[in-house]
Amino acid sequence: MDFGLTCFLTEDTVDPVELGTMAEQRGFESLLLPEHTHIPSERVSVFPGGDLPDTYSRIWDPFVAGAMIAARTERLRVGTAICLVAEHDPIVLAKEIASLDRLSGGRFLFGVGAGWNLEEVANHGVDPVSRFAVIHERVEAMRAIWSEETASYKGDHVGFEAIWCRPKPAQQPGPPVLVGGNGPRALERVLAYGDEWLPICLWEMDDVIARIGELKRRAAAADRVVGVSAYLPPEEAPELERLAAAGAHRAVFMLPSAPRPEVEAQLDALVRLRQEFTGSA
């Protein structure tokens, strides 16, 4: 199982390029950056993790930071965990991702999700109630742009006729789409428009393990191969072994939003965990 990373990076934390370089030097497979375009100063939406850290309103744009990281690394995969697709124009986002994927040599991973902050989505002109349907159509439309020379798409929320949009991504028919979320319809969404499931393992490990099995069965019945990237898994080798045995091929660990010394110490701790997991000294 590959070890990946995520981190809420701001102007007060370790620099994105420094983190990418340190991660690649230590053999981590990927660095997936979160997204919030903004945080409304007044909201009803409840943050699922308790009090909302102020880093959520201060993080770098994941595509700008990801491009800088990709430019200074050679093997590290870069991407989003997660991109709030409902907050983007799909044609612009398709070009942005295709450009990053091609310039990085095919290293982009596209983690997508709806997010918990309904007021944030509404500020982008999207009805929060319809955000899952909007994401579905926008991802499908982007796939058409990435894979077709002359692309068209018609849906309830997205529509365009016969457009040319290059560059095309290095990865064809497009970068892997990792669908985040643990809700009751999460597996349905993965099978509808995703290549992988990106479940949060922090609170619901046993449930995630069971649902990975369900996803694998449903994918096989549909003659599909669907991956699983475990997001925020327990930092314990036996639990990682459970995830790997269930079918997860990547574990994505959260780093502290902190200056370089603290982040570097956590990277080294994760290296030791990887050694324990793989059985190497």
Protein backbone atom coordinates (compact mmCIF):
# COMPACT_ATOMS: atom_id res chain seq x y z
CA MET A 1 0.00 0.00 0.00
CA ASP A 2 1.32 3.42 -0.98
CA PHE A 3 1.68 6.15 1.64
CA GLY A 4 0.32 9.55 0.66
CA LEU A 5 -0.02 12.84 2.50
CA THR A 6 -2.37 15.77 2.93
CA CYS A 7 -1.96 19.05 4.76
CA PHE A 8 -3.71 22.39 5.23
CA LEU A 9 -0.89 24.65 4.07
CA THR A 10 -0.94 28.40 4.70
CA GLU A 11 1.56 31.26 4.65
CA ASP A 12 2.42 30.38 8.26
CA THR A 13 3.16 26.68 7.70
CA VAL A 14 5.90 24.82 5.93
CA ASP A 15 6.24 26.01 2.33
CA PRO A 16 4.42 23.78 -0.22
CA VAL A 17 7.56 23.23 -2.29
CA GLU A 18 9.60 22.40 0.82
CA LEU A 19 6.97 19.88 1.85
CA GLY A 20 6.84 18.32 -1.60
CA THR A 21 10.61 17.98 -1.71
CA MET A 22 10.78 16.44 1.76
CA ALA A 23 7.96 14.04 0.91
CA GLU A 24 9.61 12.86 -2.29
CA GLN A 25 12.98 12.44 -0.61
CA ARG A 26 11.33 10.16 1.97
CA GLY A 27 9.56 8.05 -0.63
CA PHE A 28 5.99 9.18 -0.16
CA GLU A 29 3.81 8.49 -3.19
CA SER A 30 1.50 11.49 -3.24
CA LEU A 31 0.59 14.85 -1.72
CA LEU A 32 -3.10 15.75 -1.99
CA LEU A 33 -4.15 19.27 -1.04
CA PRO A 34 -7.55 20.35 0.35
CA GLU A 35 -9.66 23.19 -1.02
CA HIS A 36 -11.83 25.94 0.39
CA THR A 37 -12.16 29.07 -1.73
CA HIS A 38 -13.33 30.90 1.39
CA ILE A 39 -15.17 30.38 4.66
CA PRO A 40 -18.33 32.48 5.20
CA SER A 41 -17.95 34.51 8.39
CA GLU A 42 -21.51 33.57 9.36
CA ARG A 43 -22.81 30.07 8.74
CA VAL A 44 -25.26 27.47 9.96
CA SER A 45 -23.30 24.48 8.59
CA VAL A 46 -21.62 22.51 11.36
CA PHE A 47 -18.00 21.49 10.90
CA PRO A 48 -17.88 17.71 11.58
CA GLY A 49 -14.56 17.92 13.45
CA GLY A 50 -15.66 20.27 16.23
CA ASP A 51 -14.36 23.85 16.25
CA LEU A 52 -13.32 25.01 12.78
CA PRO A 53 -9.56 25.69 12.59
CA ASP A 54 -8.69 29.08 11.11
CA THR A 55 -6.48 27.32 8.54
CA TYR A 56 -9.64 26.50 6.58
CA SER A 57 -10.04 30.12 5.48
CA ARG A 58 -6.31 30.61 4.80
CA ILE A 59 -5.13 27.62 2.75
CA TRP A 60 -3.34 28.04 -0.56
CA ASP A 61 -5.21 27.33 -3.76
CA PRO A 62 -4.51 23.62 -4.36
CA PHE A 63 -3.89 23.95 -8.10
CA VAL A 64 -1.39 26.79 -7.78
CA ALA A 65 0.40 25.12 -4.87
CA GLY A 66 0.22 21.74 -6.63
CA ALA A 67 1.78 23.16 -9.79
CA MET A 68 4.67 24.62 -7.81
CA ILE A 69 5.21 21.29 -6.04
CA ALA A 70 5.08 19.36 -9.32
CA ALA A 71 7.62 21.71 -10.90
CA ARG A 72 10.16 20.95 -8.16
CA THR A 73 9.62 17.18 -7.87
CA GLU A 74 9.97 14.29 -10.28
CA ARG A 75 8.00 11.33 -8.93
CA LEU A 76 5.61 12.66 -6.29
CA ARG A 77 1.98 12.58 -7.38
CA VAL A 78 0.09 15.80 -6.69
CA GLY A 79 -3.62 16.41 -6.49
CA THR A 80 -6.65 17.38 -4.47
CA ALA A 81 -8.33 15.88 -1.42
CA ILE A 82 -10.74 17.24 -2.05
CA CYS A 83 -11.61 19.66 -4.83
CA LEU A 84 -15.04 21.23 -4.30
CA VAL A 85 -16.11 20.73 -7.91
CA ALA A 86 -19.45 22.51 -7.48
CA GLU A 87 -17.50 25.73 -6.94
CA HIS A 88 -15.81 25.61 -10.38
CA ASP A 89 -16.69 26.17 -14.01
CA PRO A 90 -16.12 22.69 -15.51
CA ILE A 91 -14.50 23.90 -18.75
CA VAL A 92 -12.00 26.08 -16.90
CA LEU A 93 -11.31 23.35 -14.35
CA ALA A 94 -10.84 20.74 -17.08
CA LYS A 95 -8.19 22.89 -18.77
CA GLU A 96 -6.50 23.69 -15.46
CA ILE A 97 -6.21 20.03 -14.49
CA ALA A 98 -5.21 18.88 -17.98
CA SER A 99 -2.45 21.50 -18.03
CA LEU A 100 -1.14 20.45 -14.61
CA ASP A 101 -1.33 16.76 -15.46
CA ARG A 102 0.50 17.18 -18.76
CA LEU A 103 3.18 19.51 -17.41
CA SER A 104 3.81 17.15 -14.47
CA GLY A 105 4.15 14.10 -16.70
CA GLY A 106 0.85 12.53 -15.68
CA ARG A 107 1.10 12.85 -11.91
CA PHE A 108 -2.26 14.41 -11.02
CA LEU A 109 -4.86 12.73 -8.77
CA PHE A 110 -8.30 14.36 -8.80
CA GLY A 111 -9.99 13.94 -5.42
CA VAL A 112 -13.51 15.37 -5.52
CA GLY A 113 -16.33 15.94 -3.09
CA ALA A 114 -19.26 18.09 -2.05
CA GLY A 115 -17.92 19.44 1.21
CA TRP A 116 -19.77 20.19 4.43
CA ASN A 117 -20.04 23.99 4.16
CA LEU A 118 -23.35 24.72 2.45
CA GLU A 119 -22.95 28.49 2.68
CA GLU A 120 -19.63 28.27 0.84
CA VAL A 121 -21.21 26.39 -2.06
CA ALA A 122 -24.17 28.79 -2.15
CA ASN A 123 -21.81 31.76 -2.51
CA HIS A 124 -20.74 30.23 -5.84
CA GLY A 125 -24.32 30.35 -7.13
CA VAL A 126 -25.04 26.64 -6.60
CA ASP A 127 -28.07 25.42 -4.67
CA PRO A 128 -26.55 23.24 -1.92
CA VAL A 129 -29.42 20.77 -2.29
CA SER A 130 -28.36 20.00 -5.88
CA ARG A 131 -24.60 20.03 -5.30
CA PHE A 132 -24.16 16.26 -5.70
CA ALA A 133 -25.97 16.27 -9.04
CA VAL A 134 -23.88 19.28 -10.13
CA ILE A 135 -20.65 17.48 -9.25
CA HIS A 136 -21.75 14.35 -11.13
CA GLU A 137 -22.43 16.27 -14.32
CA ARG A 138 -19.34 18.47 -14.07
CA VAL A 139 -17.06 15.46 -13.65
CA GLU A 140 -18.72 13.72 -16.60
CA ALA A 141 -18.37 16.88 -18.69
CA MET A 142 -14.70 17.20 -17.77
CA ARG A 143 -14.08 13.58 -18.76
CA ALA A 144 -15.59 14.34 -22.17
CA ILE A 145 -13.31 17.38 -22.57
CA TRP A 146 -10.24 15.34 -21.56
CA SER A 147 -10.90 12.38 -23.84
CA GLU A 148 -12.69 13.76 -26.93
CA GLU A 149 -11.14 15.99 -29.57
CA THR A 150 -14.48 17.73 -30.12
CA ALA A 151 -16.40 17.48 -26.87
CA SER A 152 -20.09 17.99 -26.13
CA TYR A 153 -22.18 17.51 -23.01
CA LYS A 154 -25.83 18.03 -22.17
CA GLY A 155 -27.25 17.72 -18.68
CA ASP A 156 -29.52 19.52 -16.27
CA HIS A 157 -26.66 21.58 -14.79
CA VAL A 158 -23.97 21.54 -17.50
CA GLY A 159 -24.29 21.97 -21.24
CA PHE A 160 -22.03 22.81 -24.18
CA GLU A 161 -21.86 21.83 -27.83
CA ALA A 162 -18.83 20.86 -29.93
CA ILE A 163 -15.88 22.54 -28.22
CA TRP A 164 -12.13 22.22 -28.73
CA CYS A 165 -10.13 22.31 -25.53
CA ARG A 166 -6.48 21.37 -25.32
CA PRO A 167 -4.10 20.34 -23.90
CA LYS A 168 -5.38 16.88 -23.14
CA PRO A 169 -4.14 15.25 -19.93
CA ALA A 170 -1.10 12.96 -20.10
CA GLN A 171 -3.20 10.33 -18.34
CA GLN A 172 -5.89 9.05 -20.64
CA PRO A 173 -8.86 9.05 -20.66
CA GLY A 174 -8.12 11.45 -17.79
CA PRO A 175 -6.62 11.69 -14.32
CA PRO A 176 -8.06 9.25 -11.77
CA VAL A 177 -11.15 10.62 -10.03
CA LEU A 178 -11.19 9.83 -6.30
CA VAL A 179 -14.70 10.36 -4.93
CA GLY A 180 -14.71 11.44 -1.28
CA GLY A 181 -17.46 10.95 1.25
CA ASN A 182 -18.84 8.43 3.72
CA GLY A 183 -22.54 9.10 3.27
CA PRO A 184 -25.16 6.44 2.48
CA ARG A 185 -24.87 7.04 -1.29
CA ALA A 186 -21.08 7.32 -1.42
CA LEU A 187 -20.53 3.98 -3.17
CA GLU A 188 -23.23 4.80 -5.71
CA ARG A 189 -21.38 8.00 -6.58
CA VAL A 190 -18.04 6.20 -6.87
CA LEU A 191 -19.53 3.70 -9.31
CA ALA A 192 -21.36 6.43 -11.24
CA TYR A 193 -18.44 8.76 -12.00
CA GLY A 194 -15.34 7.76 -10.05
CA ASP A 195 -12.28 5.58 -10.39
CA GLU A 196 -11.66 5.27 -6.65
CA TRP A 197 -13.34 5.76 -3.30
CA LEU A 198 -11.70 8.20 -0.86
CA PRO A 199 -13.37 7.39 2.48
CA ILE A 200 -12.52 9.11 5.75
CA CYS A 201 -11.31 6.40 8.12
CA LEU A 202 -10.80 8.56 11.19
CA TRP A 203 -14.15 7.83 12.85
CA GLU A 204 -15.68 4.85 11.08
CA MET A 205 -12.95 2.27 10.45
CA ASP A 206 -15.11 -0.85 10.82
CA ASP A 207 -17.81 0.60 8.60
CA VAL A 208 -15.25 1.61 5.97
CA ILE A 209 -13.76 -1.90 5.95
CA ALA A 210 -17.19 -3.45 5.41
CA ARG A 211 -18.10 -0.98 2.68
CA ILE A 212 -14.84 -1.56 0.81
CA GLY A 213 -15.93 -5.17 0.45
CA GLU A 214 -19.34 -4.06 -0.78
CA LEU A 215 -17.75 -1.68 -3.28
CA LYS A 216 -15.45 -4.39 -4.63
CA ARG A 217 -18.40 -6.77 -5.08
CA ARG A 218 -20.54 -4.18 -6.83
CA ALA A 219 -17.67 -3.11 -9.07
CA ALA A 220 -16.94 -6.73 -10.06
CA ALA A 221 -20.60 -7.27 -10.89
CA ALA A 222 -20.40 -4.25 -13.20
CA ASP A 223 -17.13 -5.55 -14.73
CA ARG A 224 -15.25 -2.60 -13.19
CA VAL A 225 -12.05 -2.25 -11.22
CA VAL A 226 -12.39 0.45 -8.55
CA GLY A 227 -9.58 1.53 -6.24
CA VAL A 228 -9.70 2.67 -2.62
CA SER A 229 -7.56 5.41 -1.06
CA ALA A 230 -7.99 5.47 2.71
CA TYR A 231 -8.10 9.07 3.94
CA LEU A 232 -6.94 9.82 7.50
CA PRO A 233 -6.40 6.18 8.49
CA PRO A 234 -5.24 5.13 11.95
CA GLU A 235 -1.49 5.50 12.31
CA GLU A 236 -1.10 1.91 13.46
CA ALA A 237 0.41 -0.91 11.39
CA PRO A 238 -2.28 -3.52 12.28
CA GLU A 239 -5.07 -1.16 11.20
CA LEU A 240 -3.26 -0.38 7.97
CA GLU A 241 -2.94 -4.12 7.38
CA ARG A 242 -6.71 -4.41 7.76
CA LEU A 243 -7.24 -1.71 5.16
CA ALA A 244 -4.77 -3.28 2.75
CA ALA A 245 -6.35 -6.71 3.19
CA ALA A 246 -9.77 -5.20 2.45
CA GLY A 247 -8.47 -3.70 -0.80
CA ALA A 248 -7.13 -0.21 -0.09
CA HIS A 249 -4.03 0.55 -2.16
CA ARG A 250 -3.21 3.99 -0.73
CA ALA A 251 -3.27 5.55 2.75
CA VAL A 252 -3.41 9.35 2.96
CA PHE A 253 -2.09 10.77 6.25
CA MET A 254 -2.75 14.25 7.60
CA LEU A 255 0.27 16.37 8.47
CA PRO A 256 0.08 19.19 11.01
CA SER A 257 -0.45 22.73 9.74
CA ALA A 258 2.81 23.88 11.23
CA PRO A 259 6.30 25.18 10.43
CA ARG A 260 8.89 22.91 8.88
CA PRO A 261 10.44 21.34 12.04
CA GLU A 262 7.12 19.96 13.31
CA VAL A 263 6.06 18.75 9.87
CA GLU A 264 9.43 17.13 9.23
CA ALA A 265 9.23 15.28 12.55
CA GLN A 266 5.81 13.90 11.59
CA LEU A 267 7.12 12.86 8.17
CA ASP A 268 9.88 10.90 9.86
CA ALA A 269 7.35 9.29 12.21
CA LEU A 270 5.32 8.18 9.19
CA VAL A 271 8.47 6.77 7.59
CA ARG A 272 8.94 4.64 10.70
CA LEU A 273 5.29 3.57 10.51
CA ARG A 274 5.79 2.58 6.87
CA GLN A 275 8.84 0.53 7.83
CA GLU A 276 6.82 -1.23 10.52
CA PHE A 277 3.95 -1.82 8.09
CA THR A 278 6.20 -3.25 5.38
CA GLY A 279 8.27 -5.23 7.86
CA SER A 280 11.55 -3.55 6.96
CA ALA A 281 14.04 -2.36 9.55
